[in-house]
Amino acid sequence: MTTEEIPEETRRAWTSPHVSDATLRDSAHMAGVEFGPRDAATIARLLVRTGVDLVEVGMVSGPGSKDAGLVLATHEAVGPERSMTLVVVRDRQQVARALDEAERLGVRHVMYSIPTSEQHAKLKIGSPSPKFLQALARSAITQAKERGFHVTFSGEDGARTPKERLVPYVTAGFEAGADRFRLAETVAFLSPWQMEEVIGDLTAIDGSEIEIHSHNMLGMAVANSLAAVRAGARWISATIGGIGERGGNAPLAELLTSLRVIHGDTRFDLTHLTELSRVALRGAGLGEAFQSGPTTAHAFAYELPGQLTHPEAYETLPAELVGNARELRVRSRLTPALVTWALDGSGVLVDVDAFTPWLVERQERAGAPLLDRDAIRKAAVDFQGA
């Protein structure tokens, strides 16, 4: 279909969006998936050749970031101006430490992860108060702008955040000097027509530039992303092959081909997409078997303690409802809290604080093979006999 063949109504309601890719960041939250610096550099180069505007890579919360190697490799491959790094926000002092680390790594673009729904705000920053949330965002944004960063701030779990709570928060962020706001559909929740309404409320804010980041548990991440742009969003966040936690994200190939077919958008070089998928899935240790959606082995697999102990905060539908099961999968991000969850109900009794570093050391010697609940339980028996 050529641009001339696209209905006039569709073209009038459409502004070609910028695309960011979060494969090298969102994969850090995907149970058992880790990329190395070499993979990061290859993926970043291919993304830029494809025409992706911004490569999101890694996350920092303070000094000694685990993702430093990924960030530096991406900077070397495509330059810091084409890269963005997530900065975790928990309190003002922690933000300052994280920005110090971002500066050390040469980061130019930062994205703040800030929970906006009452449930997530209470879990992650200790208070559901909208005033506290706005004050925290203003402080974080001001600190970053004073240091010269380009700032995107997120609404984590924003899709479930009521308008009367979300709009004042987003307004406060732009008033503080933020460059862009990302609505995170952390828990897949909206239909495309509902997404248009939510995004329309945000694009109506003076000076706003809006990005959409959808998860694919309901299979509508691409549809919701296109609906967001129809309502005025200027950016779409995607990942290669839909890689990501909780059923995956908007898959880049499906998104770019949809832009080409539905809207006649020929800005992107689609010839790299197959290679990108193969490189990313191989680097992630997924082979070619990964698929997004609620029935996959990865849809309800976690490596963060909060997701295992509070699954209702992250799951659109319970795992059991679709005949799936909740599982722990982890490589090198093992913590005592994860070990405690894995051993619960097993009858294996060990000193978790002593066992965890022992298992981490064994993992490192073995090249960080994937651990699930059964593997941790078996290792605990080995530890008892050691």
Protein backbone atom coordinates (compact mmCIF):
# COMPACT_ATOMS: atom_id res chain seq x y z
CA MET A 1 0.00 0.00 0.00
CA THR A 2 1.39 3.41 -0.96
CA THR A 3 0.87 6.61 1.00
CA GLU A 4 -1.60 7.76 -1.65
CA GLU A 5 -3.75 4.65 -1.09
CA ILE A 6 -4.12 5.25 2.66
CA PRO A 7 -7.49 6.78 3.54
CA GLU A 8 -7.38 10.55 4.02
CA GLU A 9 -8.95 10.27 7.49
CA THR A 10 -6.15 7.95 8.64
CA ARG A 11 -3.45 10.28 7.33
CA ARG A 12 -5.01 13.34 8.94
CA ALA A 13 -5.07 11.66 12.36
CA TRP A 14 -1.46 10.51 12.16
CA THR A 15 1.96 12.01 12.87
CA SER A 16 4.89 9.67 12.23
CA PRO A 17 6.29 8.74 15.66
CA HIS A 18 9.84 8.45 16.92
CA VAL A 19 10.76 4.93 18.03
CA SER A 20 12.90 3.96 21.00
CA ASP A 21 13.98 0.39 21.68
CA ALA A 22 14.15 -0.92 25.26
CA THR A 23 15.57 -4.39 24.59
CA LEU A 24 18.83 -3.68 26.43
CA ARG A 25 16.97 -2.24 29.42
CA ASP A 26 13.69 -4.12 29.78
CA SER A 27 15.51 -7.44 29.38
CA ALA A 28 17.22 -6.71 32.71
CA HIS A 29 13.80 -7.19 34.32
CA MET A 30 13.06 -10.36 32.35
CA ALA A 31 13.73 -13.43 34.44
CA GLY A 32 16.99 -15.17 33.54
CA VAL A 33 17.89 -12.91 30.60
CA GLU A 34 21.15 -10.98 30.52
CA PHE A 35 23.09 -9.48 27.62
CA GLY A 36 26.84 -8.97 27.53
CA PRO A 37 28.64 -5.87 26.21
CA ARG A 38 29.42 -7.50 22.85
CA ASP A 39 25.75 -8.34 22.26
CA ALA A 40 24.76 -4.84 23.38
CA ALA A 41 27.09 -3.21 20.85
CA THR A 42 25.85 -5.42 17.99
CA ILE A 43 22.19 -4.88 18.84
CA ALA A 44 22.64 -1.11 19.22
CA ARG A 45 24.33 -0.80 15.81
CA LEU A 46 21.61 -2.81 14.08
CA LEU A 47 18.88 -0.78 15.77
CA VAL A 48 20.40 2.49 14.59
CA ARG A 49 20.82 1.11 11.06
CA THR A 50 17.16 0.15 11.14
CA GLY A 51 16.26 3.74 11.96
CA VAL A 52 15.41 3.50 15.65
CA ASP A 53 15.91 6.93 17.21
CA LEU A 54 17.01 5.96 20.70
CA VAL A 55 18.55 2.81 22.22
CA GLU A 56 17.56 2.36 25.85
CA VAL A 57 20.25 0.48 27.76
CA GLY A 58 20.76 -0.51 31.37
CA MET A 59 19.71 0.98 34.66
CA VAL A 60 21.54 2.72 37.49
CA SER A 61 20.51 3.24 41.09
CA GLY A 62 23.86 4.24 42.56
CA PRO A 63 27.63 3.69 42.24
CA GLY A 64 29.01 0.45 40.85
CA SER A 65 26.17 -0.17 38.42
CA LYS A 66 25.90 -3.79 37.27
CA ASP A 67 24.93 -2.52 33.80
CA ALA A 68 27.95 -0.23 33.39
CA GLY A 69 29.52 -2.51 30.77
CA LEU A 70 26.36 -2.51 28.66
CA VAL A 71 26.05 1.26 28.83
CA LEU A 72 29.67 1.88 27.86
CA ALA A 73 29.55 -0.66 25.02
CA THR A 74 26.42 0.97 23.61
CA HIS A 75 27.98 4.43 23.85
CA GLU A 76 31.04 3.18 21.93
CA ALA A 77 28.84 1.56 19.28
CA VAL A 78 26.31 4.33 18.58
CA GLY A 79 27.31 7.30 20.76
CA PRO A 80 25.70 8.58 23.97
CA GLU A 81 23.34 10.88 22.06
CA ARG A 82 21.56 7.82 20.62
CA SER A 83 21.35 6.11 24.00
CA MET A 84 19.17 6.48 27.12
CA THR A 85 19.67 4.91 30.57
CA LEU A 86 17.03 4.32 33.22
CA VAL A 87 17.60 5.90 36.63
CA VAL A 88 15.71 4.34 39.51
CA VAL A 89 13.92 6.84 41.78
CA ARG A 90 13.29 5.98 45.42
CA ASP A 91 14.28 9.11 47.35
CA ARG A 92 16.18 12.36 46.75
CA GLN A 93 19.53 11.18 48.11
CA GLN A 94 19.43 8.00 46.05
CA VAL A 95 18.69 10.05 42.91
CA ALA A 96 21.81 12.15 43.50
CA ARG A 97 23.97 9.02 43.80
CA ALA A 98 22.44 7.55 40.66
CA LEU A 99 23.05 10.74 38.68
CA ASP A 100 26.69 10.71 39.84
CA GLU A 101 26.99 7.22 38.35
CA ALA A 102 25.23 8.30 35.14
CA GLU A 103 27.68 11.18 34.75
CA ARG A 104 30.61 8.82 35.34
CA LEU A 105 29.36 6.60 32.52
CA GLY A 106 28.92 9.55 30.14
CA VAL A 107 25.13 9.23 29.94
CA ARG A 108 23.33 12.13 28.20
CA HIS A 109 19.72 10.91 28.28
CA VAL A 110 18.15 9.58 31.48
CA MET A 111 14.73 8.14 32.10
CA TYR A 112 13.32 8.21 35.61
CA SER A 113 11.33 5.22 36.78
CA ILE A 114 8.65 6.61 39.11
CA PRO A 115 5.57 4.58 40.16
CA THR A 116 2.32 6.52 39.80
CA SER A 117 -0.46 4.13 40.78
CA GLU A 118 -1.35 4.01 44.47
CA GLN A 119 -0.44 0.34 44.67
CA HIS A 120 2.99 0.67 43.08
CA ALA A 121 3.83 3.94 44.84
CA LYS A 122 3.09 2.38 48.22
CA LEU A 123 5.18 -0.70 47.39
CA LYS A 124 8.19 1.12 45.92
CA ILE A 125 8.47 4.56 47.50
CA GLY A 126 6.60 3.90 50.72
CA SER A 127 3.78 6.39 50.19
CA PRO A 128 0.72 6.56 47.93
CA SER A 129 0.41 10.34 48.50
CA PRO A 130 0.04 12.27 45.21
CA LYS A 131 1.74 15.31 46.77
CA PHE A 132 4.74 13.22 47.81
CA LEU A 133 4.89 11.67 44.33
CA GLN A 134 4.87 15.07 42.64
CA ALA A 135 7.49 16.47 45.03
CA LEU A 136 9.77 13.50 44.41
CA ALA A 137 9.41 13.86 40.63
CA ARG A 138 10.06 17.61 40.73
CA SER A 139 13.19 17.11 42.80
CA ALA A 140 14.55 14.33 40.59
CA ILE A 141 13.85 16.20 37.36
CA THR A 142 15.34 19.45 38.67
CA GLN A 143 18.52 17.68 39.80
CA ALA A 144 19.00 16.08 36.37
CA LYS A 145 18.27 19.25 34.39
CA GLU A 146 20.72 21.22 36.52
CA ARG A 147 23.39 18.71 35.48
CA GLY A 148 22.49 19.03 31.80
CA PHE A 149 20.72 15.72 31.20
CA HIS A 150 17.89 15.23 28.73
CA VAL A 151 15.11 13.90 30.99
CA THR A 152 12.29 11.50 30.32
CA PHE A 153 10.15 10.72 33.35
CA SER A 154 7.86 7.74 33.49
CA GLY A 155 4.50 6.91 34.91
CA GLU A 156 5.19 3.36 36.04
CA ASP A 157 1.84 1.54 36.15
CA GLY A 158 0.48 4.70 34.55
CA ALA A 159 -2.22 2.88 32.59
CA ARG A 160 -3.98 1.97 35.85
CA THR A 161 -3.46 5.40 37.41
CA PRO A 162 -6.69 7.45 37.53
CA LYS A 163 -6.78 10.65 35.48
CA GLU A 164 -7.19 12.85 38.56
CA ARG A 165 -3.93 11.41 39.92
CA LEU A 166 -1.97 11.05 36.68
CA VAL A 167 -2.58 14.39 34.95
CA PRO A 168 -1.40 16.60 37.87
CA TYR A 169 1.71 14.41 38.20
CA VAL A 170 2.58 14.73 34.52
CA THR A 171 1.86 18.46 34.60
CA ALA A 172 4.19 18.90 37.58
CA GLY A 173 6.95 17.02 35.78
CA PHE A 174 6.85 19.24 32.72
CA GLU A 175 6.68 22.34 34.91
CA ALA A 176 9.90 21.11 36.55
CA GLY A 177 11.61 21.04 33.15
CA ALA A 178 11.24 17.44 31.92
CA ASP A 179 11.64 16.88 28.19
CA ARG A 180 9.36 13.89 27.74
CA PHE A 181 6.85 11.75 29.67
CA ARG A 182 6.56 8.00 29.16
CA LEU A 183 3.26 6.34 29.99
CA ALA A 184 4.16 2.80 31.06
CA GLU A 185 1.42 0.25 30.59
CA THR A 186 3.29 -1.78 33.22
CA VAL A 187 0.26 -3.98 33.73
CA ALA A 188 -1.49 -4.52 30.38
CA PHE A 189 -4.84 -2.97 31.06
CA LEU A 190 -6.21 -0.79 28.26
CA SER A 191 -7.94 -1.34 24.95
CA PRO A 192 -6.83 0.84 22.01
CA TRP A 193 -9.85 3.13 22.34
CA GLN A 194 -9.21 3.52 26.08
CA MET A 195 -5.55 4.23 25.33
CA GLU A 196 -6.55 7.06 23.00
CA GLU A 197 -8.55 8.66 25.79
CA VAL A 198 -5.74 8.38 28.35
CA ILE A 199 -3.10 9.74 25.96
CA GLY A 200 -5.45 12.52 24.85
CA ASP A 201 -5.62 13.75 28.45
CA LEU A 202 -1.80 13.91 28.54
CA THR A 203 -1.19 15.50 25.15
CA ALA A 204 -3.60 18.27 26.20
CA ILE A 205 -1.05 19.37 28.83
CA ASP A 206 0.83 22.49 27.69
CA GLY A 207 4.35 21.69 26.45
CA SER A 208 3.94 17.94 26.76
CA GLU A 209 5.79 15.36 24.67
CA ILE A 210 4.41 11.87 25.31
CA GLU A 211 5.82 8.37 24.79
CA ILE A 212 3.98 5.05 25.13
CA HIS A 213 5.55 1.87 26.55
CA SER A 214 3.09 -1.03 26.40
CA HIS A 215 3.34 -4.60 27.68
CA ASN A 216 1.83 -7.36 25.59
CA MET A 217 0.07 -9.67 28.04
CA LEU A 218 -3.24 -9.01 26.27
CA GLY A 219 -1.66 -9.12 22.82
CA MET A 220 -2.49 -5.45 22.17
CA ALA A 221 0.86 -3.71 22.72
CA VAL A 222 1.26 -2.73 19.05
CA ALA A 223 -2.40 -1.74 18.71
CA ASN A 224 -2.23 0.36 21.87
CA SER A 225 0.99 1.99 20.70
CA LEU A 226 -0.59 2.99 17.39
CA ALA A 227 -3.68 4.25 19.22
CA ALA A 228 -1.45 6.36 21.48
CA VAL A 229 0.15 8.02 18.47
CA ARG A 230 -3.26 8.63 16.93
CA ALA A 231 -4.09 10.53 20.14
CA GLY A 232 -0.95 12.66 19.89
CA ALA A 233 1.92 10.64 21.44
CA ARG A 234 5.20 11.37 19.65
CA TRP A 235 7.23 8.33 20.75
CA ILE A 236 6.73 4.55 20.85
CA SER A 237 8.88 2.25 22.97
CA ALA A 238 9.36 -1.31 21.66
CA THR A 239 11.70 -4.30 22.05
CA ILE A 240 13.19 -6.82 19.64
CA GLY A 241 10.93 -9.85 19.39
CA GLY A 242 8.80 -8.38 22.15
CA ILE A 243 11.47 -9.39 24.71
CA GLY A 244 10.53 -8.25 28.19
CA GLU A 245 8.89 -9.15 31.45
CA ARG A 246 5.25 -10.13 31.96
CA GLY A 247 4.39 -11.39 28.47
CA GLY A 248 6.79 -9.06 26.69
CA ASN A 249 6.55 -5.60 25.14
CA ALA A 250 5.48 -4.14 21.82
CA PRO A 251 7.56 -6.23 19.37
CA LEU A 252 9.71 -4.01 17.17
CA ALA A 253 9.24 -5.97 13.94
CA GLU A 254 5.46 -6.04 14.23
CA LEU A 255 5.43 -2.35 15.12
CA LEU A 256 7.61 -1.23 12.21
CA THR A 257 5.81 -3.41 9.68
CA SER A 258 2.49 -2.07 10.98
CA LEU A 259 3.74 1.48 10.48
CA ARG A 260 4.74 0.55 6.92
CA VAL A 261 1.53 -1.30 5.97
CA ILE A 262 -1.09 0.74 7.82
CA HIS A 263 0.40 4.21 7.63
CA GLY A 264 2.79 4.06 4.67
CA ASP A 265 5.78 4.89 6.90
CA THR A 266 8.92 4.05 4.90
CA ARG A 267 11.46 5.69 7.21
CA PHE A 268 12.77 2.38 8.59
CA ASP A 269 15.12 -0.15 6.97
CA LEU A 270 13.24 -3.37 7.70
CA THR A 271 15.94 -5.60 6.20
CA HIS A 272 17.77 -5.72 9.55
CA LEU A 273 14.80 -7.01 11.55
CA THR A 274 15.41 -10.74 11.06
CA GLU A 275 19.08 -10.43 11.98
CA LEU A 276 18.16 -8.31 14.99
CA SER A 277 15.74 -10.94 16.22
CA ARG A 278 18.25 -13.75 15.81
CA VAL A 279 21.05 -11.84 17.52
CA ALA A 280 18.88 -10.68 20.40
CA LEU A 281 17.15 -14.01 21.05
CA ARG A 282 20.45 -15.89 20.87
CA GLY A 283 22.18 -13.39 23.16
CA ALA A 284 19.32 -13.60 25.61
CA GLY A 285 19.68 -17.38 25.75
CA LEU A 286 16.19 -17.84 24.29
CA GLY A 287 17.15 -19.38 20.95
CA GLU A 288 14.28 -18.85 18.54
CA ALA A 289 11.64 -20.17 20.91
CA PHE A 290 10.59 -16.96 22.63
CA GLN A 291 7.13 -15.65 21.91
CA SER A 292 5.24 -12.91 23.68
CA GLY A 293 1.91 -13.52 25.34
CA PRO A 294 0.43 -15.03 28.50
CA THR A 295 0.92 -18.72 27.66
CA THR A 296 4.72 -18.68 27.25
CA ALA A 297 7.20 -20.04 29.77
CA HIS A 298 8.47 -16.50 30.37
CA ALA A 299 5.16 -14.73 30.91
CA PHE A 300 4.98 -15.36 34.66
CA ALA A 301 8.67 -15.97 35.36
CA TYR A 302 10.30 -13.47 37.71
CA GLU A 303 13.68 -12.69 39.24
CA LEU A 304 12.64 -9.78 41.45
CA PRO A 305 11.42 -10.59 45.00
CA GLY A 306 8.62 -8.00 44.90
CA GLN A 307 7.13 -9.58 41.80
CA LEU A 308 7.11 -13.02 43.39
CA THR A 309 5.63 -11.85 46.69
CA HIS A 310 3.19 -9.33 45.19
CA PRO A 311 2.24 -10.90 41.83
CA GLU A 312 -1.17 -9.22 41.93
CA ALA A 313 0.60 -5.88 41.44
CA TYR A 314 2.11 -7.01 38.15
CA GLU A 315 -0.17 -9.56 36.53
CA THR A 316 -3.03 -8.52 34.29
CA LEU A 317 -4.52 -11.97 34.90
CA PRO A 318 -3.34 -14.61 37.38
CA ALA A 319 -1.00 -17.19 35.89
CA GLU A 320 -3.33 -19.97 36.90
CA LEU A 321 -6.24 -18.50 34.92
CA VAL A 322 -4.53 -19.30 31.64
CA GLY A 323 -3.18 -22.65 32.84
CA ASN A 324 0.30 -21.23 33.39
CA ALA A 325 2.46 -21.18 36.53
CA ARG A 326 4.51 -18.61 38.40
CA GLU A 327 8.22 -19.39 38.46
CA LEU A 328 11.58 -18.01 39.51
CA ARG A 329 14.32 -17.87 36.87
CA VAL A 330 17.59 -16.12 37.64
CA ARG A 331 21.23 -16.17 36.62
CA SER A 332 23.49 -13.73 38.50
CA ARG A 333 20.93 -11.50 40.24
CA LEU A 334 20.38 -13.92 43.13
CA THR A 335 19.37 -12.44 46.52
CA PRO A 336 18.46 -13.95 49.92
CA ALA A 337 14.84 -12.93 49.32
CA LEU A 338 14.71 -14.97 46.09
CA VAL A 339 16.32 -17.96 47.81
CA THR A 340 13.80 -17.72 50.64
CA TRP A 341 10.92 -17.78 48.16
CA ALA A 342 12.40 -20.74 46.28
CA LEU A 343 12.90 -22.81 49.42
CA ASP A 344 9.49 -22.06 50.92
CA GLY A 345 7.55 -25.31 51.34
CA SER A 346 10.48 -27.49 50.24
CA GLY A 347 11.37 -28.83 53.67
CA VAL A 348 15.01 -27.88 53.03
CA LEU A 349 16.39 -25.86 55.93
CA VAL A 350 19.56 -23.82 55.38
CA ASP A 351 21.08 -20.58 56.60
CA VAL A 352 19.91 -18.41 53.70
CA ASP A 353 22.45 -15.64 54.40
CA ALA A 354 25.30 -18.16 54.20
CA PHE A 355 23.84 -20.22 51.36
CA THR A 356 23.15 -17.31 48.99
CA PRO A 357 26.79 -16.10 48.56
CA TRP A 358 27.89 -19.75 48.28
CA LEU A 359 25.45 -20.31 45.44
CA VAL A 360 26.36 -17.01 43.75
CA GLU A 361 30.04 -18.03 43.76
CA ARG A 362 29.17 -21.43 42.32
CA GLN A 363 27.08 -19.75 39.62
CA GLU A 364 29.95 -17.48 38.65
CA ARG A 365 32.33 -20.42 38.35
CA ALA A 366 29.84 -22.24 36.13
CA GLY A 367 29.22 -19.23 33.86
CA ALA A 368 25.86 -18.21 35.38
CA PRO A 369 23.58 -21.02 34.15
CA LEU A 370 19.86 -20.46 34.55
CA LEU A 371 18.46 -21.24 38.00
CA ASP A 372 14.83 -22.05 38.69
CA ARG A 373 13.14 -23.08 41.92
CA ASP A 374 14.08 -26.77 41.58
CA ALA A 375 17.73 -25.95 40.85
CA ILE A 376 17.96 -23.73 43.93
CA ARG A 377 16.41 -26.43 46.09
CA LYS A 378 18.85 -29.03 44.77
CA ALA A 379 21.75 -26.65 45.39
CA ALA A 380 20.55 -26.17 48.97
CA VAL A 381 20.74 -29.92 49.52
CA ASP A 382 24.30 -29.87 48.11
CA PHE A 383 25.12 -27.01 50.49
CA GLN A 384 23.89 -29.01 53.44
CA GLY A 385 26.24 -31.81 52.56
CA ALA A 386 29.20 -29.58 51.81
